[in-house]
Amino acid sequence: MNYTLNDRVALVTGASSGIGQATALALAEAGAKVAVAARRTDRLEALAEQASGEILASRPTSPTSDPCGRRSRIRSSASGSWTPW
């Protein structure tokens, strides 16, 4: 089968290796504009250069950031009292 994804946009997470990388390459080859995200940004830049289509590598936010305060809410509901991390 021959798929065409022209004028489509895709987001692939975990695209620095394995299935995520293969998926991003296949989508780009099929004509989609692909945004990729992963922790290893150096590999994403290499992926973008390797692709035959359009791939945009994005820089992830810090995994330790908690802009919405979710950890505090989870801990407060689990312990019965509000205790910030």
Protein backbone atom coordinates (compact mmCIF):
# COMPACT_ATOMS: atom_id res chain seq x y z
CA MET A 1 0.00 0.00 0.00
CA ASN A 2 1.09 3.52 -0.68
CA TYR A 3 -0.01 6.11 1.87
CA THR A 4 0.16 9.84 1.36
CA LEU A 5 0.04 12.14 4.35
CA ASN A 6 0.56 15.46 2.57
CA ASP A 7 -0.84 18.43 4.52
CA ARG A 8 -1.02 16.31 7.71
CA VAL A 9 0.80 16.95 10.96
CA ALA A 10 2.00 14.24 13.35
CA LEU A 11 3.58 14.29 16.80
CA VAL A 12 5.85 11.41 17.78
CA THR A 13 7.16 11.10 21.33
CA GLY A 14 10.09 8.86 22.15
CA ALA A 15 11.44 9.49 18.67
CA SER A 16 15.14 9.34 19.52
CA SER A 17 15.32 5.57 18.93
CA GLY A 18 13.42 2.37 18.27
CA ILE A 19 9.79 2.34 17.23
CA GLY A 20 9.40 6.10 17.77
CA GLN A 21 12.30 6.85 15.44
CA ALA A 22 11.04 4.42 12.78
CA THR A 23 7.53 5.88 13.03
CA ALA A 24 8.79 9.46 12.65
CA LEU A 25 10.83 8.52 9.57
CA ALA A 26 7.93 6.65 7.98
CA LEU A 27 5.51 9.52 8.59
CA ALA A 28 7.95 12.06 7.13
CA GLU A 29 8.57 9.84 4.11
CA ALA A 30 4.80 9.61 3.57
CA GLY A 31 4.62 13.40 3.42
CA ALA A 32 3.54 14.41 6.93
CA LYS A 33 5.09 17.29 8.80
CA VAL A 34 6.41 15.55 11.90
CA ALA A 35 7.15 17.08 15.28
CA VAL A 36 9.34 14.81 17.40
CA ALA A 37 10.10 14.86 21.11
CA ALA A 38 12.42 12.86 23.33
CA ARG A 39 14.85 13.32 26.19
CA ARG A 40 17.92 12.81 23.98
CA THR A 41 17.76 15.95 21.85
CA ASP A 42 21.08 15.25 20.12
CA ARG A 43 19.52 12.16 18.55
CA LEU A 44 16.47 14.15 17.47
CA GLU A 45 18.65 16.61 15.59
CA ALA A 46 20.37 13.70 13.83
CA LEU A 47 16.95 12.23 13.00
CA ALA A 48 15.81 15.51 11.47
CA GLU A 49 18.91 15.60 9.26
CA GLN A 50 18.44 11.94 8.23
CA ALA A 51 14.79 12.24 7.21
CA SER A 52 13.68 12.67 3.62
CA GLY A 53 10.66 14.72 4.76
CA GLU A 54 10.02 17.55 7.19
CA ILE A 55 10.83 16.84 10.85
CA LEU A 56 10.87 19.44 13.61
CA ALA A 57 12.81 18.45 16.74
CA SER A 58 11.50 20.04 19.93
CA ARG A 59 13.36 20.49 23.18
CA PRO A 60 11.50 18.91 26.14
CA THR A 61 10.82 20.71 29.38
CA SER A 62 12.62 19.64 32.51
CA PRO A 63 11.20 16.40 33.92
CA THR A 64 11.61 17.84 37.41
CA SER A 65 9.47 20.89 36.74
CA ASP A 66 5.94 20.87 38.12
CA PRO A 67 4.27 24.01 36.73
CA CYS A 68 0.77 22.93 37.74
CA GLY A 69 1.69 21.75 41.25
CA ARG A 70 0.40 18.23 40.57
CA ARG A 71 2.85 16.53 42.91
CA SER A 72 1.72 18.68 45.80
CA ARG A 73 -1.94 17.90 45.14
CA ILE A 74 -1.28 14.18 44.82
CA ARG A 75 0.66 14.09 48.05
CA SER A 76 -1.96 16.12 49.90
CA SER A 77 -4.78 13.84 48.79
CA ALA A 78 -2.81 10.70 49.66
CA SER A 79 -1.76 11.80 53.14
CA GLY A 80 -4.88 13.71 54.08
CA SER A 81 -2.98 16.93 54.71
CA TRP A 82 -1.21 19.35 52.43
CA THR A 83 2.55 18.81 52.47
CA PRO A 84 4.61 20.38 49.69
CA TRP A 85 7.45 18.32 48.25
